[in-house]
Protein backbone atom coordinates (compact mmCIF):
# COMPACT_ATOMS: atom_id res chain seq x y z
CA MET A 1 41.40 -3.47 -13.28
CA SER A 2 38.32 -3.86 -11.30
CA ASN A 3 34.68 -2.94 -12.45
CA ALA A 4 34.73 -0.08 -9.60
CA THR A 5 37.97 1.44 -11.06
CA THR A 6 36.71 1.44 -14.72
CA LYS A 7 33.15 3.12 -13.78
CA ASN A 8 34.75 5.96 -12.16
CA GLN A 9 35.25 9.33 -14.05
CA THR A 10 38.92 10.91 -14.30
CA VAL A 11 39.44 14.48 -13.43
CA HIS A 12 42.84 16.41 -13.14
CA ARG A 13 41.96 18.74 -10.56
CA VAL A 14 40.96 18.41 -6.80
CA SER A 15 37.34 18.10 -6.50
CA PHE A 16 35.55 16.91 -3.31
CA LEU A 17 32.29 15.47 -2.96
CA ASP A 18 29.90 16.45 -0.16
CA LYS A 19 26.56 15.11 1.34
CA ASP A 20 24.76 17.40 -1.23
CA SER A 21 26.27 15.76 -4.36
CA LEU A 22 24.07 12.91 -4.27
CA HIS A 23 20.58 14.16 -4.98
CA ILE A 24 18.01 11.52 -3.43
CA PRO A 25 14.28 12.30 -4.50
CA ILE A 26 11.24 11.27 -2.15
CA LEU A 27 8.31 9.25 -3.90
CA LYS A 28 4.91 10.91 -3.24
CA VAL A 29 1.58 9.12 -4.81
CA LEU A 30 -1.01 9.91 -1.84
CA GLN A 31 -1.66 13.10 -0.78
CA ALA A 32 -2.68 14.07 2.89
CA ASP A 33 -6.68 14.78 1.44
CA GLY A 34 -6.68 11.22 0.05
CA THR A 35 -6.26 12.27 -3.74
CA THR A 36 -3.25 11.35 -5.85
CA TYR A 37 -0.35 13.51 -7.44
CA GLU A 38 -1.78 14.42 -10.99
CA LYS A 39 1.26 12.65 -12.84
CA ALA A 40 1.45 9.64 -9.79
CA VAL A 41 1.84 6.11 -10.83
CA LEU A 42 -0.25 4.05 -8.78
CA PRO A 43 0.68 0.83 -7.30
CA LEU A 44 -0.88 -2.78 -8.53
CA ILE A 45 -3.90 -2.54 -6.22
CA ASP A 46 -7.66 -3.17 -6.69
CA GLU A 47 -10.79 -3.20 -4.14
CA LYS A 48 -9.92 -6.40 -2.54
CA LEU A 49 -6.47 -5.69 -1.75
CA ALA A 50 -7.31 -2.07 -0.44
CA LYS A 51 -10.08 -3.55 1.89
CA ARG A 52 -7.75 -6.06 3.38
CA VAL A 53 -4.97 -3.46 4.04
CA HIS A 54 -7.74 -1.24 5.93
CA ASP A 55 -8.69 -3.79 7.77
CA THR A 56 -5.25 -4.40 8.88
CA LEU A 57 -4.57 -0.83 9.76
CA VAL A 58 -7.70 -0.76 11.84
CA PHE A 59 -6.72 -3.67 13.77
CA THR A 60 -3.49 -2.60 14.59
CA ARG A 61 -4.57 0.79 15.80
CA VAL A 62 -7.03 -0.97 17.94
CA LEU A 63 -4.59 -3.73 19.17
CA ASP A 64 -2.21 -0.65 20.21
CA GLU A 65 -4.68 1.10 22.17
CA ARG A 66 -6.27 -1.74 24.10
CA MET A 67 -2.63 -3.28 24.95
CA LEU A 68 -0.71 0.04 25.78
CA GLY A 69 -3.94 0.39 28.24
CA ALA A 70 -3.37 -3.40 29.16
CA GLN A 71 0.34 -2.63 30.09
CA ARG A 72 -0.83 0.66 31.99
CA GLN A 73 -3.17 -1.55 34.12
CA GLY A 74 -0.27 -4.17 35.20
CA ARG A 75 -1.54 -6.74 33.02
CA ILE A 76 1.21 -7.11 30.42
CA SER A 77 4.67 -5.91 31.49
CA PHE A 78 5.83 -4.11 28.09
CA TYR A 79 4.28 -2.95 24.83
CA MET A 80 5.36 -1.16 21.58
CA THR A 81 2.96 0.42 19.14
CA CYS A 82 2.95 1.05 15.35
CA THR A 83 1.08 4.12 15.50
CA GLY A 84 2.15 6.44 13.11
CA GLU A 85 4.22 4.02 10.98
CA GLU A 86 1.56 1.41 9.86
CA ALA A 87 1.82 2.83 6.01
CA ALA A 88 5.52 1.89 5.87
CA ILE A 89 4.68 -1.41 7.44
CA VAL A 90 1.26 -2.62 5.75
CA GLY A 91 2.33 -1.05 2.23
CA SER A 92 5.39 -2.82 2.24
CA ALA A 93 3.75 -6.21 3.33
CA SER A 94 0.99 -5.89 1.05
CA ALA A 95 3.47 -6.08 -1.74
CA LEU A 96 5.10 -9.35 -0.81
CA ASP A 97 4.40 -12.93 -1.58
CA ASP A 98 3.55 -15.30 1.43
CA GLY A 99 6.79 -17.17 0.57
CA ASP A 100 8.84 -14.20 1.14
CA VAL A 101 10.42 -14.42 4.41
CA ILE A 102 9.78 -10.96 7.16
CA LEU A 103 12.57 -10.45 9.52
CA ALA A 104 11.18 -7.79 11.58
CA GLN A 105 12.54 -5.33 14.56
CA TYR A 106 10.06 -5.09 16.80
CA ARG A 107 7.39 -2.58 15.68
CA GLU A 108 5.76 -4.52 12.55
CA HIS A 109 3.48 -6.64 14.14
CA ALA A 110 1.22 -4.87 11.29
CA ALA A 111 2.93 -6.84 9.01
CA LEU A 112 2.36 -10.26 10.95
CA ARG A 113 -1.44 -9.51 11.22
CA TYR A 114 -1.47 -9.00 7.30
CA ARG A 115 -0.06 -12.25 6.87
CA GLY A 116 -3.03 -13.77 9.00
CA PHE A 117 -1.60 -13.78 12.62
CA THR A 118 -5.03 -14.25 14.70
CA THR A 119 -6.25 -12.02 17.60
CA GLU A 120 -6.08 -15.19 19.79
CA GLN A 121 -2.34 -15.72 18.63
CA PHE A 122 -1.42 -12.20 19.63
CA MET A 123 -3.08 -12.43 22.89
CA ASN A 124 -1.10 -15.68 23.66
CA GLN A 125 2.18 -14.40 23.04
CA LEU A 126 1.61 -11.10 24.71
CA PHE A 127 0.48 -12.97 27.80
CA SER A 128 3.26 -15.82 27.43
CA ASN A 129 0.33 -18.23 28.46
CA GLU A 130 0.15 -21.98 27.47
CA LYS A 131 -0.67 -21.41 23.96
CA ASP A 132 1.95 -19.12 23.31
CA LEU A 133 3.87 -20.07 20.08
CA GLY A 134 7.06 -18.99 21.91
CA LYS A 135 6.24 -21.16 24.68
CA GLY A 136 6.69 -17.87 27.30
CA ARG A 137 10.28 -17.59 26.56
CA GLN A 138 10.06 -13.95 24.69
CA MET A 139 8.68 -10.51 26.20
CA PRO A 140 5.50 -9.05 25.07
CA ILE A 141 5.51 -8.07 21.20
CA HIS A 142 8.26 -10.39 20.31
CA TYR A 143 6.35 -12.44 18.14
CA GLY A 144 7.09 -15.24 15.34
CA SER A 145 5.38 -17.45 13.16
CA GLU A 146 7.18 -20.30 10.94
CA ALA A 147 3.76 -21.07 9.19
CA LEU A 148 3.66 -17.26 8.09
CA ASN A 149 7.57 -16.70 7.31
CA TYR A 150 7.67 -14.57 10.41
CA GLN A 151 11.19 -14.83 11.63
CA THR A 152 11.25 -14.73 15.57
CA ILE A 153 12.29 -11.12 16.85
CA SER A 154 15.24 -10.65 18.60
CA SER A 155 15.81 -7.46 21.23
CA PRO A 156 19.32 -6.98 20.43
CA LEU A 157 18.93 -4.19 17.92
CA GLY A 158 20.22 -4.83 14.17
CA THR A 159 20.73 -8.56 14.60
CA GLN A 160 18.08 -9.20 11.87
CA ILE A 161 19.93 -7.29 9.30
CA PRO A 162 22.99 -9.74 8.52
CA GLN A 163 20.57 -12.67 9.24
CA ALA A 164 18.10 -11.52 6.63
CA THR A 165 20.90 -11.34 3.68
CA GLY A 166 21.82 -15.07 5.00
CA VAL A 167 18.11 -16.01 4.53
CA ALA A 168 17.78 -14.30 0.97
CA TYR A 169 21.37 -16.25 0.00
CA GLY A 170 19.64 -19.45 1.07
CA LEU A 171 16.35 -18.58 -0.98
CA LYS A 172 18.56 -18.12 -3.75
CA MET A 173 20.49 -21.22 -3.53
CA LYS A 174 17.17 -23.22 -3.42
CA GLY A 175 16.17 -21.61 -6.57
CA GLN A 176 12.86 -20.25 -5.07
CA ARG A 177 11.74 -17.12 -6.36
CA ASN A 178 11.03 -15.35 -3.11
CA VAL A 179 12.89 -12.30 -1.06
CA ALA A 180 13.83 -11.75 2.52
CA ILE A 181 12.68 -8.44 3.96
CA CYS A 182 14.26 -6.50 6.90
CA TYR A 183 12.81 -3.89 8.93
CA PHE A 184 14.80 -1.65 10.85
CA GLY A 185 15.00 1.77 12.09
CA GLU A 186 17.51 4.39 11.14
CA GLY A 187 19.14 4.02 14.79
CA ALA A 188 19.58 0.32 13.83
CA ALA A 189 21.43 1.65 10.66
CA SER A 190 24.32 2.72 13.27
CA GLU A 191 24.97 -0.58 14.60
CA GLY A 192 27.88 -2.68 12.79
CA ASP A 193 25.40 -5.38 11.96
CA PHE A 194 24.05 -3.09 9.36
CA HIS A 195 27.19 -2.38 7.57
CA ALA A 196 27.97 -6.00 7.41
CA GLY A 197 24.68 -7.23 6.31
CA LEU A 198 24.30 -4.97 3.63
CA ASN A 199 27.62 -5.36 1.83
CA MET A 200 27.25 -8.92 2.35
CA ALA A 201 23.85 -9.08 0.40
CA ALA A 202 25.63 -6.51 -2.23
CA VAL A 203 28.47 -8.72 -2.46
CA LEU A 204 26.57 -12.11 -2.54
CA ASN A 205 23.64 -10.92 -4.81
CA ALA A 206 21.32 -11.77 -2.41
CA PRO A 207 17.75 -10.95 -2.86
CA THR A 208 17.15 -8.86 0.11
CA ILE A 209 14.74 -6.00 0.43
CA PHE A 210 16.08 -3.74 3.27
CA PHE A 211 13.44 -1.56 4.78
CA CYS A 212 14.42 1.26 6.84
CA ARG A 213 11.57 3.10 8.78
CA ASN A 214 13.20 6.55 9.47
CA ASN A 215 10.83 7.85 12.04
CA GLY A 216 13.34 10.50 13.27
CA TYR A 217 14.32 9.12 16.61
CA ALA A 218 16.44 6.45 18.07
CA ILE A 219 14.28 5.85 21.10
CA SER A 220 15.30 9.69 22.42
CA THR A 221 18.07 10.20 19.96
CA PRO A 222 16.87 12.99 16.77
CA THR A 223 18.51 11.93 13.49
CA GLU A 224 20.43 15.06 13.54
CA GLU A 225 22.42 13.81 16.71
CA GLN A 226 22.92 10.30 14.64
CA PHE A 227 24.80 10.80 11.51
CA ALA A 228 25.63 13.71 9.31
CA GLY A 229 25.22 12.15 5.83
CA ASN A 230 22.21 12.27 3.64
CA GLY A 231 19.84 9.90 5.63
CA ILE A 232 20.17 5.95 5.26
CA ALA A 233 19.19 5.90 1.28
CA SER A 234 22.90 7.34 0.53
CA ARG A 235 24.29 4.13 2.40
CA GLY A 236 22.31 1.83 0.15
CA VAL A 237 24.07 3.69 -2.93
CA GLY A 238 27.51 3.65 -1.46
CA TYR A 239 27.09 -0.39 -1.07
CA GLY A 240 26.18 -0.55 -4.78
CA MET A 241 22.57 -1.41 -4.37
CA HIS A 242 19.18 -0.15 -6.06
CA THR A 243 17.84 2.54 -3.66
CA ILE A 244 14.94 4.42 -3.17
CA ARG A 245 13.58 6.86 -0.85
CA VAL A 246 9.95 7.24 -0.24
CA ASP A 247 7.07 9.09 1.98
CA GLY A 248 6.52 6.59 4.52
CA ASN A 249 3.15 7.81 5.72
CA ASP A 250 1.85 7.40 1.78
CA MET A 251 0.56 3.82 1.43
CA LEU A 252 0.54 3.54 -2.08
CA ALA A 253 3.98 5.15 -2.57
CA VAL A 254 5.26 2.45 0.02
CA MET A 255 3.31 -0.13 -1.77
CA ALA A 256 4.67 0.78 -5.29
CA ALA A 257 8.07 0.79 -4.36
CA THR A 258 8.26 -2.58 -2.69
CA GLN A 259 6.61 -4.18 -5.42
CA GLN A 260 8.89 -2.94 -8.01
CA ALA A 261 11.86 -3.48 -5.24
CA ARG A 262 10.61 -7.03 -4.96
CA ALA A 263 10.67 -7.54 -8.61
CA PHE A 264 13.97 -6.40 -9.38
CA ALA A 265 15.27 -8.39 -6.33
CA ILE A 266 13.92 -11.35 -7.92
CA GLU A 267 15.00 -11.10 -11.53
CA ASN A 268 18.36 -9.84 -10.41
CA ASN A 269 19.31 -11.70 -7.76
CA ALA A 270 20.05 -8.22 -6.02
CA PRO A 271 19.36 -6.36 -2.95
CA VAL A 272 17.28 -3.25 -2.54
CA LEU A 273 17.42 -0.55 0.28
CA ILE A 274 14.06 1.08 0.82
CA GLU A 275 14.31 4.37 3.28
CA ALA A 276 10.79 4.99 4.42
CA MET A 277 10.36 8.76 5.76
CA THR A 278 7.59 8.39 8.90
CA TYR A 279 7.23 9.54 12.30
CA ARG A 280 6.48 7.66 15.25
CA LEU A 281 3.15 9.22 16.78
CA GLY A 282 3.45 7.14 20.01
CA ALA A 283 6.29 6.63 22.65
CA HIS A 284 9.21 4.44 21.67
CA SER A 285 7.70 1.63 24.04
CA SER A 286 5.51 1.57 27.04
CA SER A 287 8.60 2.56 29.02
CA ASP A 288 9.16 5.65 27.36
CA ASP A 289 8.03 9.18 27.71
CA PRO A 290 8.58 11.27 24.59
CA SER A 291 7.82 14.59 26.28
CA GLY A 292 11.23 14.56 27.50
CA TYR A 293 12.57 15.12 23.91
CA ARG A 294 10.02 16.42 21.58
CA SER A 295 7.24 18.95 21.69
CA LYS A 296 3.88 18.72 21.50
CA GLU A 297 3.65 21.02 18.57
CA GLU A 298 6.21 18.47 16.63
CA GLU A 299 3.53 15.73 17.46
CA ALA A 300 0.94 17.66 16.54
CA LYS A 301 2.23 18.86 13.07
CA TRP A 302 2.70 15.30 12.48
CA GLN A 303 -0.64 14.14 13.22
CA GLN A 304 -1.99 16.13 10.01
CA HIS A 305 0.23 13.12 7.98
CA ASP A 306 -1.41 10.24 9.96
CA PRO A 307 -0.95 7.19 7.43
CA VAL A 308 -4.21 5.54 8.45
CA LYS A 309 -6.44 8.39 7.89
CA ARG A 310 -5.03 9.31 4.77
CA PHE A 311 -5.60 5.80 3.47
CA LYS A 312 -8.95 5.69 4.63
CA LEU A 313 -9.61 9.26 2.73
CA TRP A 314 -8.43 7.66 -0.26
CA LEU A 315 -10.72 4.45 -0.15
CA LEU A 316 -13.94 6.86 0.63
CA ASN A 317 -13.02 8.94 -2.31
CA LYS A 318 -12.84 5.67 -4.72
CA GLY A 319 -16.36 4.59 -2.92
CA TRP A 320 -14.69 1.37 -1.73
CA LEU A 321 -15.27 2.67 2.05
CA THR A 322 -18.35 4.29 3.92
CA GLU A 323 -18.00 6.07 7.17
CA ALA A 324 -20.21 3.68 8.75
CA GLU A 325 -18.24 0.61 7.66
CA ASP A 326 -15.00 2.14 9.06
CA ALA A 327 -16.49 2.87 12.52
CA ALA A 328 -18.28 -0.59 12.67
CA LEU A 329 -14.78 -2.23 11.94
CA TYR A 330 -13.28 -0.07 15.09
CA GLU A 331 -16.13 -1.56 17.26
CA LYS A 332 -15.87 -5.16 16.07
CA TYR A 333 -11.89 -5.29 16.69
CA ARG A 334 -12.48 -3.51 19.79
CA GLU A 335 -14.67 -5.66 21.36
CA GLU A 336 -12.74 -8.92 19.78
CA VAL A 337 -9.40 -7.81 21.12
CA LEU A 338 -11.23 -7.07 24.63
CA ALA A 339 -12.58 -10.52 24.72
CA ALA A 340 -9.29 -12.32 23.65
CA VAL A 341 -7.68 -10.47 26.68
CA LYS A 342 -10.12 -11.99 29.12
CA VAL A 343 -9.31 -15.50 27.79
CA ALA A 344 -5.77 -15.32 27.35
CA GLU A 345 -4.84 -13.64 30.76
CA GLN A 346 -6.66 -16.71 32.49
CA LEU A 347 -4.64 -19.66 30.86
CA PRO A 348 -1.45 -20.80 32.95
CA VAL A 349 1.92 -20.37 31.60
CA PRO A 350 3.88 -22.99 29.86
CA HIS A 351 4.83 -26.32 31.98
CA LEU A 352 8.30 -25.92 33.15
CA ASP A 353 9.72 -28.60 31.17
CA GLU A 354 8.97 -27.12 28.15
CA LEU A 355 11.70 -24.47 29.19
CA ILE A 356 14.79 -26.79 27.53
CA GLU A 357 12.70 -27.93 24.41
CA ASP A 358 12.98 -26.94 21.04
CA VAL A 359 16.65 -26.37 21.13
CA LEU A 360 18.30 -29.80 20.87
CA ASP A 361 16.97 -32.81 19.67
CA GLU A 362 17.80 -34.51 22.89
CA PRO A 363 18.01 -32.23 26.11
CA THR A 364 21.89 -32.66 27.29
CA PRO A 365 22.62 -33.81 30.93
CA ILE A 366 23.63 -30.54 32.07
CA LEU A 367 20.19 -28.95 30.72
CA LYS A 368 18.44 -31.52 32.74
CA GLN A 369 20.18 -30.93 35.72
CA GLN A 370 19.69 -27.16 35.70
CA LEU A 371 16.16 -27.74 34.94
CA LYS A 372 15.99 -30.18 38.16
CA ALA A 373 17.81 -27.43 39.96
CA LEU A 374 15.27 -24.75 38.82
CA LYS A 375 12.06 -26.98 40.08
CA GLN A 376 13.85 -27.53 43.52
CA HIS A 377 14.31 -23.70 43.71
CA VAL A 378 10.67 -22.86 42.63
CA LYS A 379 9.26 -25.06 45.16
CA LYS A 380 11.70 -23.91 47.98
CA TYR A 381 10.63 -20.48 47.58
CA PRO A 382 7.23 -20.64 46.56
CA LYS A 383 6.30 -16.90 47.47
CA SER A 384 8.59 -15.65 45.08
CA TYR A 385 7.23 -16.53 41.95
CA PRO A 386 3.33 -16.81 40.67
CA LYS A 387 1.25 -19.59 41.28
CA SER A 388 1.12 -20.30 37.78
CA ALA A 389 5.02 -20.95 38.13
CA GLY A 390 4.08 -24.08 40.25
CA ARG A 391 3.02 -26.25 37.08
CA LEU A 392 6.44 -28.73 37.89
């Protein structure tokens, strides 16, 4: 008899369970005015960590503001903001060890910044120039950094979920006391990769933190049109893993949940699911117009739960920050980002020869033939390609 069977309670009359049978509380620590709830237990955080978190929040807000503007000016082709979801991302990233591997979706650049990605590195990727770590092969905001244990982002939705299980299982097999954390939205949880990844992690006992940013919309599809169940957290329980739901706009709640999730995952070689209830204040991407599927009144309501403002108020209450220091930091990063934009957009694109590098130790004859044909094509139709493509 299996363990699952022995744990079941026996009944002798028909008794169905419904979606309300599983009560999932939501963890809250920090209130909107910057004070904590009376009985709340704070995460492990000191002034140094708090200031690093705040620095990351300010940079991310400035980066999003500047680069969305740059996209509107035609200087980059595409952009996605983290606005409104910063506490979910930075709160969780700050609870990790640098050896933990991050597998992001596409809105977690704040986690990469927390890890140490420089302003110059952000600009080089966004402009796909010769200094881009990805050698210009990805769309803007599809970051990756081997040095910072941040795996390269893929556009196809949900692919990182089963990959995270594989990464975590590999860490376990090597005997490393680290986890893989996988970020995704509630829309991605409708993909088959989600179910395969979670089930595999639970069965293989892989130390994975599955972090769902439930921001209410899968692009334009609201949650009530995505699923009828009790959010995403109920699925974690269904797959037999430790699960928690948190206020995703509450920095301290997210941090506390992730700290304990990481500790549990490592000590027990087991996965954990965190569902962070948050809201995307900006558009889905620079190609999206949210006015077509949500109201200004709804947006204004969520503005009152701005995670950056809430954490700032907590810092002010603690005496770890002043209004003047906060304003100076915003001004510093506005100048820094603008200066970096002007440099990065002037750099040439990677050399065309680099297009077939880094995949195979020695490019195959077919790849070399394709590259030769591409060069001939570019030379034949030079007006159809930017001048920078002439680096043949």
